[in-house]
């Protein structure tokens, strides 16, 4: 049996993709995964990733985001 809990949902301003993050708990095996669902019109892309992959992805995205701050501030 699997239990799915919604974590967050948001819409990307450019492209209008809908992104949904869910926790997927596999009750029998005790495994928890992060499900990333990206909806583009009628098409869905779904990733189920383990905690270590989620951490690596989060670190890479945070580094990129932090590197963009000075450029964003220069435009103001």
C-alpha atoms as a PDB file:
ATOM      1  CA  UNK A   1       0.000   0.000   0.000  1.00  0.00           C
ATOM      2  CA  UNK A   2       1.167   3.528  -0.779  1.00  0.00           C
ATOM      3  CA  UNK A   3       0.302   6.785   0.982  1.00  0.00           C
ATOM      4  CA  UNK A   4       0.740  10.086  -0.897  1.00  0.00           C
ATOM      5  CA  UNK A   5       0.943  13.428   0.944  1.00  0.00           C
ATOM      6  CA  UNK A   6       0.974  16.770  -0.882  1.00  0.00           C
ATOM      7  CA  UNK A   7       3.901  18.998   0.125  1.00  0.00           C
ATOM      8  CA  UNK A   8       3.497  22.004  -2.167  1.00  0.00           C
ATOM      9  CA  UNK A   9       2.149  23.047  -5.531  1.00  0.00           C
ATOM     10  CA  UNK A  10       3.005  26.108  -7.631  1.00  0.00           C
ATOM     11  CA  UNK A  11       2.867  27.484 -11.159  1.00  0.00           C
ATOM     12  CA  UNK A  12       5.959  28.607 -13.079  1.00  0.00           C
ATOM     13  CA  UNK A  13       5.452  32.194 -14.345  1.00  0.00           C
ATOM     14  CA  UNK A  14       7.243  31.578 -17.655  1.00  0.00           C
ATOM     15  CA  UNK A  15       5.760  28.616 -19.488  1.00  0.00           C
ATOM     16  CA  UNK A  16       2.862  28.109 -17.055  1.00  0.00           C
ATOM     17  CA  UNK A  17       4.001  24.637 -15.978  1.00  0.00           C
ATOM     18  CA  UNK A  18       2.378  23.371 -12.795  1.00  0.00           C
ATOM     19  CA  UNK A  19       4.818  21.762 -10.361  1.00  0.00           C
ATOM     20  CA  UNK A  20       3.640  19.576  -7.516  1.00  0.00           C
ATOM     21  CA  UNK A  21       5.817  17.987  -4.832  1.00  0.00           C
ATOM     22  CA  UNK A  22       4.480  14.978  -2.959  1.00  0.00           C
ATOM     23  CA  UNK A  23       5.827  12.538  -0.377  1.00  0.00           C
ATOM     24  CA  UNK A  24       5.217   8.950  -1.395  1.00  0.00           C
ATOM     25  CA  UNK A  25       5.383   6.472   1.488  1.00  0.00           C
ATOM     26  CA  UNK A  26       5.496   2.798   0.585  1.00  0.00           C
ATOM     27  CA  UNK A  27       3.975   1.312   3.726  1.00  0.00           C
ATOM     28  CA  UNK A  28       5.119  -2.277   3.154  1.00  0.00           C
ATOM     29  CA  UNK A  29       8.803  -1.568   2.504  1.00  0.00           C
ATOM     30  CA  UNK A  30       9.044   1.563   4.649  1.00  0.00           C
ATOM     31  CA  UNK A  31      10.559   3.558   1.773  1.00  0.00           C
ATOM     32  CA  UNK A  32       9.727   7.262   1.304  1.00  0.00           C
ATOM     33  CA  UNK A  33      10.322   9.076  -1.963  1.00  0.00           C
ATOM     34  CA  UNK A  34       9.839  12.619  -3.204  1.00  0.00           C
ATOM     35  CA  UNK A  35       7.517  12.736  -6.209  1.00  0.00           C
ATOM     36  CA  UNK A  36       7.945  15.678  -8.562  1.00  0.00           C
ATOM     37  CA  UNK A  37       5.052  16.093 -10.988  1.00  0.00           C
ATOM     38  CA  UNK A  38       5.375  18.642 -13.786  1.00  0.00           C
ATOM     39  CA  UNK A  39       2.300  19.350 -15.856  1.00  0.00           C
ATOM     40  CA  UNK A  40       2.645  21.074 -19.216  1.00  0.00           C
ATOM     41  CA  UNK A  41      -0.798  21.342 -20.757  1.00  0.00           C
ATOM     42  CA  UNK A  42      -2.058  17.751 -20.977  1.00  0.00           C
ATOM     43  CA  UNK A  43       1.404  16.202 -20.618  1.00  0.00           C
ATOM     44  CA  UNK A  44       2.844  15.048 -17.270  1.00  0.00           C
ATOM     45  CA  UNK A  45       6.445  14.312 -16.325  1.00  0.00           C
ATOM     46  CA  UNK A  46       6.889  12.447 -13.025  1.00  0.00           C
ATOM     47  CA  UNK A  47      10.098  11.786 -11.075  1.00  0.00           C
ATOM     48  CA  UNK A  48      10.205   9.659  -7.915  1.00  0.00           C
ATOM     49  CA  UNK A  49      13.528  10.343  -6.202  1.00  0.00           C
ATOM     50  CA  UNK A  50      15.242   9.143  -3.046  1.00  0.00           C
ATOM     51  CA  UNK A  51      16.307  11.519  -0.230  1.00  0.00           C
ATOM     52  CA  UNK A  52      19.983  11.673  -1.304  1.00  0.00           C
ATOM     53  CA  UNK A  53      19.082  12.547  -4.903  1.00  0.00           C
ATOM     54  CA  UNK A  54      16.643  15.190  -3.612  1.00  0.00           C
ATOM     55  CA  UNK A  55      19.414  16.689  -1.465  1.00  0.00           C
ATOM     56  CA  UNK A  56      21.860  16.831  -4.382  1.00  0.00           C
ATOM     57  CA  UNK A  57      19.223  18.402  -6.630  1.00  0.00           C
ATOM     58  CA  UNK A  58      18.296  20.954  -3.940  1.00  0.00           C
ATOM     59  CA  UNK A  59      21.934  21.950  -3.371  1.00  0.00           C
ATOM     60  CA  UNK A  60      22.542  22.419  -7.103  1.00  0.00           C
ATOM     61  CA  UNK A  61      19.377  24.510  -7.498  1.00  0.00           C
ATOM     62  CA  UNK A  62      20.247  26.641  -4.445  1.00  0.00           C
ATOM     63  CA  UNK A  63      23.758  27.311  -5.774  1.00  0.00           C
ATOM     64  CA  UNK A  64      22.361  28.359  -9.142  1.00  0.00           C
ATOM     65  CA  UNK A  65      19.696  30.550  -7.545  1.00  0.00           C
ATOM     66  CA  UNK A  66      22.254  32.243  -5.283  1.00  0.00           C
ATOM     67  CA  UNK A  67      24.512  32.927  -8.272  1.00  0.00           C
ATOM     68  CA  UNK A  68      21.672  34.756 -10.029  1.00  0.00           C
ATOM     69  CA  UNK A  69      20.967  37.243  -7.221  1.00  0.00           C
ATOM     70  CA  UNK A  70      23.595  39.862  -8.167  1.00  0.00           C
ATOM     71  CA  UNK A  71      22.430  39.823 -11.785  1.00  0.00           C
ATOM     72  CA  UNK A  72      18.813  40.275 -10.707  1.00  0.00           C
ATOM     73  CA  UNK A  73      19.760  43.170  -8.404  1.00  0.00           C
ATOM     74  CA  UNK A  74      21.691  44.911 -11.225  1.00  0.00           C
ATOM     75  CA  UNK A  75      18.519  45.080 -13.328  1.00  0.00           C
ATOM     76  CA  UNK A  76      16.618  47.148 -10.746  1.00  0.00           C
END
